[in-house]
Protein backbone atom coordinates (compact mmCIF):
# COMPACT_ATOMS: atom_id res chain seq x y z
CA UNK A 1 17.65 33.51 4.17
CA UNK A 2 15.53 30.48 4.39
CA UNK A 3 14.90 31.05 0.52
CA UNK A 4 18.85 31.22 -0.15
CA UNK A 5 19.99 28.04 1.97
CA UNK A 6 17.38 26.07 -0.29
CA UNK A 7 18.78 27.55 -3.40
CA UNK A 8 22.16 26.29 -2.13
CA UNK A 9 21.14 22.76 -1.00
CA UNK A 10 19.28 22.45 -4.63
CA UNK A 11 22.87 23.29 -6.30
CA UNK A 12 24.58 20.89 -4.08
CA UNK A 13 21.91 18.43 -4.83
CA UNK A 14 23.09 18.56 -8.55
CA UNK A 15 26.74 17.76 -7.85
CA UNK A 16 25.51 14.28 -5.69
CA UNK A 17 25.91 10.95 -7.21
CA UNK A 18 26.77 7.21 -6.45
CA UNK A 19 27.46 6.45 -10.24
CA UNK A 20 31.63 5.80 -9.42
CA UNK A 21 31.75 6.74 -13.27
CA UNK A 22 30.61 10.35 -12.41
CA UNK A 23 32.07 10.88 -8.92
CA UNK A 24 35.35 12.17 -8.51
CA UNK A 25 35.53 11.51 -4.71
CA UNK A 26 34.08 9.91 -1.81
CA UNK A 27 32.96 11.84 1.37
CA UNK A 28 31.55 10.98 4.48
CA UNK A 29 28.92 13.49 5.14
CA UNK A 30 29.05 13.36 9.09
CA UNK A 31 32.67 14.13 9.21
CA UNK A 32 32.19 17.15 6.83
CA UNK A 33 29.18 18.97 8.50
CA UNK A 34 30.69 18.55 11.82
CA UNK A 35 33.88 20.77 10.61
CA UNK A 36 33.26 23.64 12.25
CA UNK A 37 36.87 25.12 11.74
CA UNK A 38 35.93 24.99 8.03
CA UNK A 39 33.83 28.08 8.18
CA UNK A 40 33.68 29.18 12.00
CA UNK A 41 29.78 28.51 12.22
CA UNK A 42 27.38 26.19 13.93
CA UNK A 43 28.51 22.69 15.45
CA UNK A 44 26.99 21.28 12.04
CA UNK A 45 25.48 22.53 9.26
CA UNK A 46 24.86 20.65 5.78
CA UNK A 47 26.14 23.83 3.63
CA UNK A 48 29.70 22.80 4.50
CA UNK A 49 29.35 20.01 1.97
CA UNK A 50 29.02 22.82 -0.57
CA UNK A 51 32.27 24.07 0.41
CA UNK A 52 34.20 21.00 0.21
CA UNK A 53 32.32 20.76 -3.58
CA UNK A 54 33.77 23.88 -4.43
CA UNK A 55 37.16 23.13 -2.98
CA UNK A 56 37.05 19.91 -5.13
CA UNK A 57 36.25 21.66 -8.09
CA UNK A 58 38.96 24.19 -7.73
CA UNK A 59 41.49 21.66 -7.08
CA UNK A 60 40.41 19.63 -10.63
CA UNK A 61 39.86 22.87 -12.38
CA UNK A 62 36.83 21.56 -13.54
CA UNK A 63 33.03 22.71 -13.57
CA UNK A 64 30.10 20.86 -12.05
CA UNK A 65 32.54 18.11 -9.97
CA UNK A 66 30.32 15.41 -8.49
CA UNK A 67 31.03 13.58 -5.32
CA UNK A 68 29.79 10.40 -3.91
CA UNK A 69 28.29 10.53 -0.18
CA UNK A 70 28.05 8.08 2.10
CA UNK A 71 26.00 9.15 5.24
CA UNK A 72 25.92 7.86 8.80
CA UNK A 73 22.45 7.11 9.60
CA UNK A 74 22.99 9.03 13.01
CA UNK A 75 22.63 11.94 10.97
CA UNK A 76 19.14 11.73 10.20
CA UNK A 77 18.35 12.18 13.76
CA UNK A 78 21.27 14.69 14.54
CA UNK A 79 19.76 17.88 16.50
CA UNK A 80 22.59 19.80 15.59
CA UNK A 81 21.44 19.87 11.95
CA UNK A 82 18.31 21.76 11.37
CA UNK A 83 14.54 19.55 10.70
CA UNK A 84 15.18 20.89 6.74
CA UNK A 85 18.51 19.93 6.33
CA UNK A 86 17.50 16.15 8.12
CA UNK A 87 14.78 16.28 5.50
CA UNK A 88 16.84 17.10 2.49
CA UNK A 89 19.25 14.31 3.33
CA UNK A 90 16.38 11.95 3.51
CA UNK A 91 15.15 12.96 0.25
CA UNK A 92 18.76 12.53 -1.35
CA UNK A 93 18.49 9.16 0.06
CA UNK A 94 15.15 7.95 -1.24
CA UNK A 95 16.30 9.59 -4.83
CA UNK A 96 19.75 7.22 -4.77
CA UNK A 97 21.82 10.09 -5.01
CA UNK A 98 23.53 9.36 -1.79
CA UNK A 99 23.92 6.00 0.67
CA UNK A 100 22.69 5.96 4.09
CA UNK A 101 23.63 3.41 6.61
CA UNK A 102 25.63 2.77 9.87
CA UNK A 103 29.10 2.74 9.65
CA UNK A 104 29.67 5.35 7.14
CA UNK A 105 33.62 5.43 7.54
CA UNK A 106 34.01 1.98 7.00
CA UNK A 107 31.75 2.23 3.73
CA UNK A 108 33.83 5.44 2.62
CA UNK A 109 36.70 3.65 2.66
CA UNK A 110 35.63 0.31 1.09
CA UNK A 111 33.67 2.61 -2.10
CA UNK A 112 37.33 3.90 -2.58
CA UNK A 113 38.76 0.41 -2.52
CA UNK A 114 36.35 -0.64 -4.90
CA UNK A 115 36.23 1.92 -7.45
CA UNK A 116 40.02 3.76 -7.05
CA UNK A 117 37.98 6.88 -6.38
CA UNK A 118 40.12 9.48 -3.65
CA UNK A 119 39.05 9.78 0.12
CA UNK A 120 38.06 13.41 1.22
CA UNK A 121 38.48 13.09 4.84
CA UNK A 122 40.42 14.76 7.61
CA UNK A 123 41.15 11.86 8.91
CA UNK A 124 44.73 10.13 8.58
CA UNK A 125 43.59 6.52 8.73
CA UNK A 126 46.74 5.56 10.12
CA UNK A 127 44.84 2.26 11.75
CA UNK A 128 44.00 1.44 8.02
CA UNK A 129 47.29 1.71 6.11
CA UNK A 130 48.16 -1.96 6.35
CA UNK A 131 45.12 -3.27 5.20
CA UNK A 132 44.55 -0.26 2.83
CA UNK A 133 48.07 0.31 1.29
CA UNK A 134 46.44 2.67 -1.25
CA UNK A 135 45.97 5.28 1.38
CA UNK A 136 49.47 5.92 1.42
CA UNK A 137 49.68 6.57 -2.41
CA UNK A 138 49.71 10.40 -3.79
CA UNK A 139 46.30 11.90 -4.47
CA UNK A 140 44.20 8.82 -3.19
CA UNK A 141 43.22 10.90 0.41
CA UNK A 142 42.60 14.30 -0.01
CA UNK A 143 42.32 16.69 3.26
CA UNK A 144 39.69 19.40 3.36
CA UNK A 145 40.96 22.68 4.97
CA UNK A 146 41.39 26.45 4.55
CA UNK A 147 43.12 29.07 3.35
CA UNK A 148 43.07 32.55 2.15
CA UNK A 149 39.14 33.01 1.76
CA UNK A 150 38.50 29.62 0.49
CA UNK A 151 37.89 26.13 1.64
CA UNK A 152 40.78 23.91 0.24
CA UNK A 153 41.72 20.34 -0.65
CA UNK A 154 44.75 19.13 -0.29
CA UNK A 155 46.47 15.61 -0.64
CA UNK A 156 47.58 13.75 2.10
CA UNK A 157 50.64 12.60 0.49
CA UNK A 158 52.12 15.03 -2.00
CA UNK A 159 52.61 14.02 -5.33
CA UNK A 160 51.86 14.48 -9.08
CA UNK A 161 48.45 15.07 -10.22
CA UNK A 162 45.49 13.15 -9.03
CA UNK A 163 45.68 9.99 -10.69
CA UNK A 164 42.76 8.32 -12.75
CA UNK A 165 40.18 6.18 -10.86
CA UNK A 166 41.31 2.43 -10.96
CA UNK A 167 39.03 -0.06 -9.46
CA UNK A 168 40.73 -2.93 -7.69
CA UNK A 169 40.17 -6.70 -9.07
CA UNK A 170 37.52 -7.19 -6.91
CA UNK A 171 36.26 -3.96 -7.65
CA UNK A 172 35.68 -4.51 -11.38
CA UNK A 173 34.24 -8.07 -10.64
CA UNK A 174 31.34 -6.63 -8.58
CA UNK A 175 31.10 -3.42 -11.06
CA UNK A 176 30.66 -5.56 -14.13
CA UNK A 177 27.46 -6.68 -12.89
CA UNK A 178 24.04 -5.20 -12.36
CA UNK A 179 22.37 -6.47 -9.01
CA UNK A 180 18.99 -6.33 -7.55
CA UNK A 181 18.18 -5.53 -3.92
CA UNK A 182 15.06 -7.61 -2.87
CA UNK A 183 13.99 -4.78 -0.94
CA UNK A 184 11.21 -3.25 -2.90
CA UNK A 185 11.66 0.52 -4.11
CA UNK A 186 15.35 0.22 -3.16
CA UNK A 187 16.58 3.63 -4.76
CA UNK A 188 20.37 1.82 -5.33
CA UNK A 189 19.82 -1.37 -6.79
CA UNK A 190 15.71 -1.57 -7.86
CA UNK A 191 13.68 -1.03 -10.93
CA UNK A 192 13.40 2.64 -10.07
CA UNK A 193 16.99 3.25 -10.59
CA UNK A 194 16.59 2.42 -14.51
CA UNK A 195 16.26 5.94 -16.34
CA UNK A 196 18.30 8.00 -13.93
CA UNK A 197 21.36 10.05 -14.67
CA UNK A 198 23.78 7.55 -13.24
CA UNK A 199 24.57 3.76 -12.80
CA UNK A 200 24.59 1.43 -9.83
CA UNK A 201 26.90 2.13 -6.69
CA UNK A 202 29.12 -0.62 -5.79
CA UNK A 203 27.44 -3.10 -3.36
CA UNK A 204 28.80 -3.31 0.13
CA UNK A 205 30.93 -6.82 0.63
CA UNK A 206 30.33 -8.77 3.64
CA UNK A 207 32.79 -11.86 3.27
CA UNK A 208 32.76 -11.47 -0.20
CA UNK A 209 29.00 -11.61 -0.63
CA UNK A 210 27.51 -8.29 -2.24
CA UNK A 211 24.62 -6.78 0.00
CA UNK A 212 22.58 -3.90 -0.39
CA UNK A 213 24.16 -0.87 1.99
CA UNK A 214 20.90 0.57 2.79
CA UNK A 215 18.75 -2.31 3.38
CA UNK A 216 21.39 -4.81 4.44
CA UNK A 217 19.85 -7.40 2.25
CA UNK A 218 22.01 -9.95 -0.22
CA UNK A 219 21.94 -8.90 -3.76
CA UNK A 220 20.64 -10.70 -6.63
CA UNK A 221 22.83 -11.03 -9.67
CA UNK A 222 21.11 -9.19 -12.42
CA UNK A 223 23.03 -9.64 -15.56
CA UNK A 224 26.08 -8.17 -16.75
CA UNK A 225 26.54 -4.12 -16.48
CA UNK A 226 25.86 -2.37 -19.83
CA UNK A 227 29.25 -1.23 -21.72
CA UNK A 228 29.94 2.38 -20.87
CA UNK A 229 32.18 5.26 -21.49
CA UNK A 230 32.74 8.38 -19.65
CA UNK A 231 33.12 11.42 -21.93
CA UNK A 232 33.65 14.95 -20.88
CA UNK A 233 31.96 18.41 -22.70
CA UNK A 234 34.65 20.89 -23.08
CA UNK A 235 33.77 24.63 -24.49
CA UNK A 236 36.73 27.34 -24.75
CA UNK A 237 39.25 25.02 -22.93
CA UNK A 238 36.88 24.37 -19.92
CA UNK A 239 35.49 21.12 -19.05
CA UNK A 240 32.04 21.78 -18.26
CA UNK A 241 30.51 18.41 -17.76
CA UNK A 242 31.18 14.82 -17.44
CA UNK A 243 28.66 12.01 -18.85
CA UNK A 244 28.10 8.68 -19.18
CA UNK A 245 27.17 6.79 -22.48
CA UNK A 246 26.20 2.81 -22.10
CA UNK A 247 24.93 0.42 -24.73
CA UNK A 248 21.41 1.07 -23.08
CA UNK A 249 21.81 4.71 -23.02
CA UNK A 250 22.84 7.04 -26.19
CA UNK A 251 23.32 10.54 -25.26
CA UNK A 252 22.16 13.27 -27.69
CA UNK A 253 24.55 16.43 -27.66
CA UNK A 254 23.82 19.95 -28.75
CA UNK A 255 22.51 23.60 -28.06
CA UNK A 256 19.26 22.47 -26.34
CA UNK A 257 18.04 18.77 -27.53
CA UNK A 258 14.21 17.83 -27.27
CA UNK A 259 13.13 16.36 -23.94
CA UNK A 260 14.72 16.77 -21.01
CA UNK A 261 16.70 20.21 -20.25
CA UNK A 262 19.58 18.08 -19.18
CA UNK A 263 19.09 14.25 -17.79
CA UNK A 264 19.48 10.91 -19.09
CA UNK A 265 20.06 10.58 -22.94
CA UNK A 266 20.39 14.55 -23.06
CA UNK A 267 23.71 17.07 -22.78
CA UNK A 268 22.69 20.65 -23.34
CA UNK A 269 25.28 22.63 -24.24
CA UNK A 270 23.43 26.01 -24.95
CA UNK A 271 24.02 27.88 -21.39
CA UNK A 272 28.05 27.54 -22.01
CA UNK A 273 27.95 28.81 -25.49
CA UNK A 274 28.71 32.23 -27.18
CA UNK A 275 26.03 33.69 -29.63
CA UNK A 276 27.90 32.55 -32.87
CA UNK A 277 28.15 29.34 -31.69
CA UNK A 278 24.98 28.94 -30.37
CA UNK A 279 23.72 29.98 -34.19
CA UNK A 280 25.96 27.31 -35.37
CA UNK A 281 25.37 24.47 -33.25
CA UNK A 282 22.08 22.80 -33.83
CA UNK A 283 19.34 21.96 -31.10
CA UNK A 284 20.50 18.05 -31.23
CA UNK A 285 24.00 18.05 -33.37
CA UNK A 286 25.59 14.77 -32.43
CA UNK A 287 24.43 11.44 -30.93
CA UNK A 288 27.07 9.11 -29.15
CA UNK A 289 26.20 5.58 -28.81
CA UNK A 290 28.02 1.90 -28.01
CA UNK A 291 27.49 -0.35 -30.16
CA UNK A 292 29.16 -3.60 -29.34
CA UNK A 293 32.67 -2.74 -28.16
CA UNK A 294 32.76 0.64 -29.93
CA UNK A 295 31.92 4.28 -29.17
CA UNK A 296 30.30 5.83 -31.95
CA UNK A 297 29.36 9.16 -33.23
CA UNK A 298 26.35 10.09 -35.65
CA UNK A 299 25.69 13.53 -37.01
CA UNK A 300 22.10 14.75 -36.89
CA UNK A 301 23.21 18.40 -37.09
CA UNK A 302 22.56 21.18 -39.85
CA UNK A 303 26.19 22.23 -40.21
CA UNK A 304 27.91 18.97 -39.61
CA UNK A 305 30.23 17.48 -36.87
CA UNK A 306 34.46 17.73 -37.18
CA UNK A 307 36.25 14.73 -35.52
CA UNK A 308 39.95 15.09 -34.91
CA UNK A 309 41.39 12.07 -35.40
CA UNK A 310 43.67 11.32 -32.59
CA UNK A 311 42.91 14.62 -31.08
CA UNK A 312 45.50 16.19 -33.80
CA UNK A 313 44.94 19.83 -34.81
CA UNK A 314 46.24 18.96 -38.08
CA UNK A 315 43.98 20.34 -40.95
CA UNK A 316 44.89 16.79 -42.64
CA UNK A 317 43.29 14.78 -39.63
CA UNK A 318 40.17 16.48 -39.57
CA UNK A 319 37.17 14.63 -40.65
CA UNK A 320 33.88 16.09 -41.41
CA UNK A 321 30.57 14.11 -40.49
CA UNK A 322 27.46 15.34 -42.50
CA UNK A 323 24.01 14.53 -41.80
CA UNK A 324 23.65 10.52 -40.73
CA UNK A 325 27.08 9.81 -41.48
CA UNK A 326 28.54 7.64 -38.48
CA UNK A 327 31.97 7.40 -37.15
CA UNK A 328 33.79 4.82 -34.94
CA UNK A 329 35.62 6.88 -32.39
CA UNK A 330 39.43 5.99 -31.36
CA UNK A 331 40.45 6.35 -28.30
CA UNK A 332 41.93 9.78 -28.80
CA UNK A 333 39.27 11.15 -31.08
CA UNK A 334 37.90 14.39 -30.36
CA UNK A 335 34.64 15.33 -31.61
CA UNK A 336 34.22 19.50 -32.28
CA UNK A 337 30.58 20.94 -32.78
CA UNK A 338 32.25 24.62 -33.38
CA UNK A 339 35.74 25.49 -32.44
CA UNK A 340 36.08 25.36 -29.04
CA UNK A 341 33.18 22.99 -28.58
CA UNK A 342 34.82 19.55 -28.10
CA UNK A 343 33.79 16.25 -26.71
CA UNK A 344 36.29 13.32 -25.99
CA UNK A 345 36.76 10.25 -23.39
CA UNK A 346 37.66 11.94 -19.92
CA UNK A 347 40.98 10.79 -20.21
CA UNK A 348 41.94 13.25 -22.91
CA UNK A 349 42.52 16.48 -21.18
CA UNK A 350 44.59 16.17 -18.06
CA UNK A 351 43.45 19.68 -16.65
CA UNK A 352 39.71 21.00 -16.57
CA UNK A 353 41.17 24.23 -17.53
CA UNK A 354 39.24 26.69 -15.42
CA UNK A 355 40.79 28.44 -12.40
CA UNK A 356 37.75 29.59 -10.87
CA UNK A 357 34.94 27.27 -11.52
CA UNK A 358 31.39 28.45 -10.63
CA UNK A 359 30.26 28.02 -7.03
CA UNK A 360 27.48 25.92 -5.56
CA UNK A 361 27.65 28.44 -2.50
CA UNK A 362 27.18 31.38 -4.78
CA UNK A 363 23.72 31.98 -3.04
CA UNK A 364 24.81 31.14 0.55
CA UNK A 365 23.98 33.82 3.14
CA UNK A 366 27.18 35.42 4.00
CA UNK A 367 26.29 35.28 7.62
CA UNK A 368 26.12 31.68 7.86
CA UNK A 369 29.54 31.09 5.87
CA UNK A 370 32.41 32.68 7.43
CA UNK A 371 35.97 31.25 6.41
CA UNK A 372 38.44 32.00 9.26
CA UNK A 373 40.59 34.32 8.54
CA UNK A 374 44.07 33.66 7.35
CA UNK A 375 47.24 33.91 9.59
C-alpha cells in the first residue's frame, strides 16, 4: 500500500506549479486535506489533493491540469498527516512546486487577485467580497464537493464557461518583472529557479512592497520578465499539455526530442500518438521561440510542418513549412505536425475536448479513498 500511495503522490507532484501561466486554479492545501466529507476517510490526507486535481481536470475537460497550491506552515507539523506526507510537502516546497507560509488563506486570495486565477475552496468568503468583488463573478470561486462516484468542482456563482485568467493592473505590474530574494537558495525567487519548468510566482505584497512569501524578505527587482506565450498541444481533439515558450526558453516539440523526456525546452508527444502519427512525426519536429514580440515556428522535421492560417481548415489557408523554414505565427494560427496533432495559443480552443481525463488517483488504494455514496 505504501508503494501505491507514493505513486499517487508522484503523480500529483507532476500537476503542481507556482507559475501562474500554467496553473488553472489556486488551492489552499490545508482546507483540501481536511475535507473529510470528500472521501469519508482520515481526518487529513494529502491524497485528497489528487481528488481535487482530477475534479478540476473533468470540469475543464483537459488532460494534465496544473494547480497552484498554497500551504499553511502548520501543516508541516500536523499529526493527522503521516510523516511521509509531511516530508513530501517539504520536498515540494524545497523544489518550488508549492508555497509554504503562515496565513495561507490570505495568500490564496492574493494570488488569485494578482493573477486572475480561480480560487478552489469550500469557503464562501462572504467577509472578503466587498474588498474583492471578483469573488462574485462567475467561475472565479470554485467549490469542491462530491457527486455519484467522483469528486466534483462547481462554480459558487453559476454562469458561462470559466473565464480566461486576467491579472489585475497591480498583478500585471509585479508579474512583468523578475524578482530576487536575498535569502540564499530561495526556490521561488533565487538562481535555482533558472532552468526549471515554470516561471516565478507573484510576490507577496505588504503595503504595496513585493516580499518573498516563504522568507518574508523584501524582494529585489531583477529586470523585466522575458516575453512569454502559453501554448497547448492537442492530439485527436484532446488538449494534452499546456506549456510556456519564452524569449529565453524556446521549446522543441516532437515525438521524442533529444534531451530530457519532458521538461524545460522539450515537449514529448510520443505517448499520445497513434502508430501512424509516430512514424510521420520526427523526434524533434518544430521549434517554437519568441523573437522580439513575435511567436515563431521553425520546422526541423523530415516531413514538414503545416500552419493552418487563422485556424482555418480550408486547403487554401494551409501553409507548408519545410526544414529550417520559419513562420511568424498570428494569434489564431494552428501548427499541425500531422492530421489531428496540433499546437496553438492557449485561447484557441474553448474546450479541452476530453470527457474523462486521465486520473492522478489511478493507483490509489481503494480502501483509502472511498467516496461517499450519493443519495
